[in-house]
N, C-alpha and C. Protein backbone atom coordinates (compact mmCIF):
# COMPACT_ATOMS: atom_id res chain seq x y z
N MET A 1 96.45 52.52 130.49
CA MET A 1 95.81 51.58 131.38
C MET A 1 95.25 52.32 132.58
N THR A 2 94.18 51.75 133.11
CA THR A 2 93.59 52.31 134.31
C THR A 2 93.23 51.19 135.27
N PHE A 3 93.04 51.55 136.52
CA PHE A 3 92.60 50.62 137.54
C PHE A 3 91.14 50.88 137.86
N LYS A 4 90.42 49.81 138.11
CA LYS A 4 89.04 49.93 138.55
C LYS A 4 88.86 48.94 139.69
N GLU A 5 88.57 49.46 140.86
CA GLU A 5 88.45 48.60 142.04
C GLU A 5 87.26 47.65 141.90
N GLN A 6 87.48 46.39 142.31
CA GLN A 6 86.46 45.37 142.23
C GLN A 6 86.31 44.68 143.59
N ASP A 7 85.12 44.21 143.86
CA ASP A 7 84.87 43.43 145.07
C ASP A 7 85.20 41.97 144.76
N TYR A 8 86.26 41.47 145.33
CA TYR A 8 86.75 40.12 145.04
C TYR A 8 85.69 39.06 145.35
N ASP A 9 84.97 39.23 146.47
CA ASP A 9 83.96 38.24 146.84
C ASP A 9 82.85 38.16 145.80
N GLU A 10 82.47 39.28 145.22
CA GLU A 10 81.45 39.28 144.18
C GLU A 10 81.96 38.58 142.92
N LEU A 11 83.23 38.79 142.58
CA LEU A 11 83.81 38.12 141.43
C LEU A 11 83.83 36.61 141.62
N ARG A 12 84.13 36.16 142.82
CA ARG A 12 84.14 34.72 143.12
C ARG A 12 82.75 34.13 142.99
N LYS A 13 81.72 34.88 143.40
CA LYS A 13 80.34 34.39 143.28
C LYS A 13 79.97 34.19 141.82
N ILE A 14 80.41 35.11 140.97
CA ILE A 14 80.11 34.99 139.54
C ILE A 14 80.75 33.72 138.99
N LYS A 15 82.00 33.47 139.35
CA LYS A 15 82.69 32.27 138.88
C LYS A 15 81.98 31.02 139.37
N LYS A 16 81.55 31.01 140.62
CA LYS A 16 80.86 29.85 141.16
C LYS A 16 79.54 29.61 140.44
N GLU A 17 78.85 30.68 140.06
CA GLU A 17 77.60 30.53 139.32
C GLU A 17 77.85 29.87 137.97
N TYR A 18 78.93 30.25 137.28
CA TYR A 18 79.27 29.60 136.02
C TYR A 18 79.51 28.12 136.24
N ASN A 19 80.26 27.78 137.28
CA ASN A 19 80.57 26.38 137.56
C ASN A 19 79.30 25.59 137.87
N ARG A 20 78.38 26.19 138.63
CA ARG A 20 77.13 25.51 138.95
C ARG A 20 76.29 25.33 137.70
N SER A 21 76.25 26.35 136.84
CA SER A 21 75.43 26.24 135.64
C SER A 21 76.01 25.19 134.69
N ILE A 22 77.32 25.07 134.62
CA ILE A 22 77.93 24.03 133.78
C ILE A 22 77.58 22.65 134.32
N LYS A 23 77.65 22.48 135.62
CA LYS A 23 77.29 21.20 136.23
C LYS A 23 75.84 20.86 135.93
N LYS A 24 74.94 21.83 136.09
CA LYS A 24 73.52 21.61 135.80
C LYS A 24 73.31 21.30 134.33
N PHE A 25 74.07 21.95 133.46
CA PHE A 25 73.96 21.72 132.03
C PHE A 25 74.33 20.28 131.68
N ILE A 26 75.43 19.79 132.25
CA ILE A 26 75.86 18.41 131.99
C ILE A 26 74.85 17.42 132.57
N GLU A 27 74.33 17.71 133.76
CA GLU A 27 73.32 16.85 134.35
C GLU A 27 72.06 16.80 133.48
N SER A 28 71.68 17.93 132.89
CA SER A 28 70.50 17.93 132.03
C SER A 28 70.77 17.13 130.75
N PHE A 29 72.01 17.14 130.25
CA PHE A 29 72.35 16.30 129.11
C PHE A 29 72.21 14.83 129.46
N ILE A 30 72.69 14.44 130.64
CA ILE A 30 72.60 13.05 131.08
C ILE A 30 71.14 12.63 131.20
N GLU A 31 70.30 13.49 131.75
CA GLU A 31 68.89 13.18 131.93
C GLU A 31 68.12 13.18 130.62
N SER A 32 68.63 13.87 129.60
CA SER A 32 67.90 14.01 128.34
C SER A 32 67.77 12.70 127.57
N GLY A 33 68.74 11.81 127.74
CA GLY A 33 68.70 10.56 127.02
C GLY A 33 69.38 10.62 125.66
N TYR A 34 69.85 11.79 125.24
CA TYR A 34 70.58 11.90 123.98
C TYR A 34 71.93 11.20 124.11
N TYR A 35 72.40 10.66 123.00
CA TYR A 35 73.70 10.00 123.00
C TYR A 35 74.84 10.99 122.72
N CYS A 36 74.63 11.90 121.76
CA CYS A 36 75.66 12.86 121.38
C CYS A 36 74.99 14.17 120.99
N VAL A 37 75.51 15.30 121.50
CA VAL A 37 74.95 16.62 121.19
C VAL A 37 76.07 17.62 120.89
N GLU A 38 75.74 18.63 120.10
CA GLU A 38 76.65 19.75 119.89
C GLU A 38 76.33 20.82 120.93
N VAL A 39 77.35 21.43 121.50
CA VAL A 39 77.18 22.46 122.52
C VAL A 39 77.49 23.81 121.89
N GLU A 40 76.55 24.74 122.00
CA GLU A 40 76.76 26.09 121.47
C GLU A 40 76.75 27.09 122.61
N ASP A 41 77.67 28.02 122.59
CA ASP A 41 77.78 29.08 123.61
C ASP A 41 76.97 30.28 123.13
N GLU A 42 75.66 30.22 123.27
CA GLU A 42 74.79 31.28 122.78
C GLU A 42 74.94 32.57 123.59
N GLU A 43 75.28 32.45 124.87
CA GLU A 43 75.43 33.64 125.72
C GLU A 43 76.77 34.33 125.53
N ARG A 44 77.67 33.71 124.77
CA ARG A 44 79.02 34.25 124.52
C ARG A 44 79.78 34.46 125.83
N ILE A 45 79.71 33.47 126.70
CA ILE A 45 80.41 33.53 127.99
C ILE A 45 81.90 33.26 127.81
N TYR A 46 82.23 32.37 126.87
CA TYR A 46 83.61 31.95 126.68
C TYR A 46 84.23 32.64 125.48
N ASN A 47 85.54 32.85 125.53
CA ASN A 47 86.24 33.54 124.45
C ASN A 47 86.21 32.75 123.15
N ASN A 48 86.30 31.43 123.27
CA ASN A 48 86.30 30.58 122.08
C ASN A 48 85.82 29.19 122.49
N ASN A 49 85.65 28.34 121.50
CA ASN A 49 85.13 26.99 121.78
C ASN A 49 86.13 26.13 122.55
N ASN A 50 87.41 26.41 122.42
CA ASN A 50 88.38 25.65 123.20
C ASN A 50 88.24 25.94 124.69
N ASP A 51 87.96 27.18 125.05
CA ASP A 51 87.72 27.51 126.46
C ASP A 51 86.47 26.80 126.96
N LEU A 52 85.44 26.75 126.14
CA LEU A 52 84.21 26.04 126.49
C LEU A 52 84.50 24.56 126.70
N ARG A 53 85.24 23.96 125.79
CA ARG A 53 85.59 22.54 125.91
C ARG A 53 86.36 22.26 127.19
N THR A 54 87.33 23.12 127.48
CA THR A 54 88.15 22.94 128.68
C THR A 54 87.30 23.04 129.95
N THR A 55 86.38 23.98 129.99
CA THR A 55 85.50 24.14 131.15
C THR A 55 84.61 22.92 131.33
N LEU A 56 84.03 22.44 130.23
CA LEU A 56 83.21 21.24 130.30
C LEU A 56 84.03 20.04 130.77
N TYR A 57 85.23 19.89 130.21
CA TYR A 57 86.11 18.78 130.59
C TYR A 57 86.43 18.81 132.08
N ASN A 58 86.76 19.98 132.60
CA ASN A 58 87.11 20.10 134.02
C ASN A 58 85.91 19.76 134.91
N SER A 59 84.72 20.20 134.51
CA SER A 59 83.53 19.90 135.29
C SER A 59 83.21 18.41 135.25
N ILE A 60 83.34 17.80 134.08
CA ILE A 60 83.11 16.36 133.95
C ILE A 60 84.07 15.57 134.83
N LYS A 61 85.34 15.95 134.80
CA LYS A 61 86.36 15.27 135.59
C LYS A 61 86.12 15.47 137.09
N ARG A 62 85.80 16.69 137.48
CA ARG A 62 85.60 17.02 138.89
C ARG A 62 84.40 16.28 139.48
N ASN A 63 83.34 16.10 138.69
CA ASN A 63 82.11 15.49 139.18
C ASN A 63 81.95 14.03 138.78
N ASN A 64 82.97 13.46 138.15
CA ASN A 64 82.97 12.05 137.75
C ASN A 64 81.74 11.67 136.92
N PHE A 65 81.37 12.54 135.96
CA PHE A 65 80.28 12.23 135.05
C PHE A 65 80.75 11.21 134.03
N ASN A 66 79.86 10.36 133.59
CA ASN A 66 80.18 9.35 132.59
C ASN A 66 79.91 9.93 131.19
N VAL A 67 80.59 11.03 130.88
CA VAL A 67 80.39 11.79 129.65
C VAL A 67 81.76 12.15 129.09
N LYS A 68 81.84 12.25 127.79
CA LYS A 68 83.07 12.68 127.12
C LYS A 68 82.80 13.98 126.37
N VAL A 69 83.73 14.92 126.43
CA VAL A 69 83.63 16.15 125.65
C VAL A 69 84.76 16.13 124.63
N PHE A 70 84.44 16.57 123.40
CA PHE A 70 85.46 16.61 122.37
C PHE A 70 85.15 17.71 121.37
N MET A 71 86.18 18.07 120.59
CA MET A 71 86.02 19.07 119.54
C MET A 71 86.23 18.40 118.20
N LEU A 72 85.43 18.81 117.21
CA LEU A 72 85.56 18.33 115.85
C LEU A 72 85.24 19.50 114.92
N ASN A 73 86.20 19.85 114.09
CA ASN A 73 86.05 20.99 113.16
C ASN A 73 85.67 22.28 113.87
N GLY A 74 86.24 22.49 115.06
CA GLY A 74 86.03 23.73 115.80
C GLY A 74 84.75 23.79 116.60
N LYS A 75 83.97 22.72 116.61
CA LYS A 75 82.72 22.69 117.37
C LYS A 75 82.88 21.74 118.55
N VAL A 76 82.11 22.01 119.61
CA VAL A 76 82.21 21.24 120.85
C VAL A 76 81.04 20.28 120.94
N TYR A 77 81.34 19.04 121.35
CA TYR A 77 80.32 18.00 121.46
C TYR A 77 80.42 17.30 122.81
N LEU A 78 79.27 16.85 123.29
CA LEU A 78 79.20 15.97 124.46
C LEU A 78 78.69 14.62 123.99
N LYS A 79 79.28 13.55 124.55
CA LYS A 79 78.89 12.19 124.18
C LYS A 79 78.91 11.33 125.42
N ARG A 80 77.94 10.44 125.49
CA ARG A 80 77.95 9.48 126.59
C ARG A 80 79.06 8.47 126.39
N LYS A 81 79.64 7.98 127.48
CA LYS A 81 80.69 6.95 127.40
C LYS A 81 80.07 5.58 127.31
C-alpha cells in the first residue's frame, strides 16, 4: 500500500458536481414527459447499478421529487408517481 496526498476541497467539489448532475438528470426526466425510463450509467461513474439506484433514491428524497426509482432484473428505472 502507498499513500498519495489529495486536496480534500477538490475531492468535495467533485462529489458536489455528481450530486448536481444527478439532480439535473432527474429534473430533465420530469420535464421530458416520459412515464417510465431505464437509466444506464454510460460514464461508468458507479461501481454497480445498486449504487446508481441508491444515489438516485437519495437525490429524489432530498429534493422531494415526485419520482420513484426501482430495480428490476439488475437494471435501474425511474417512474413518475
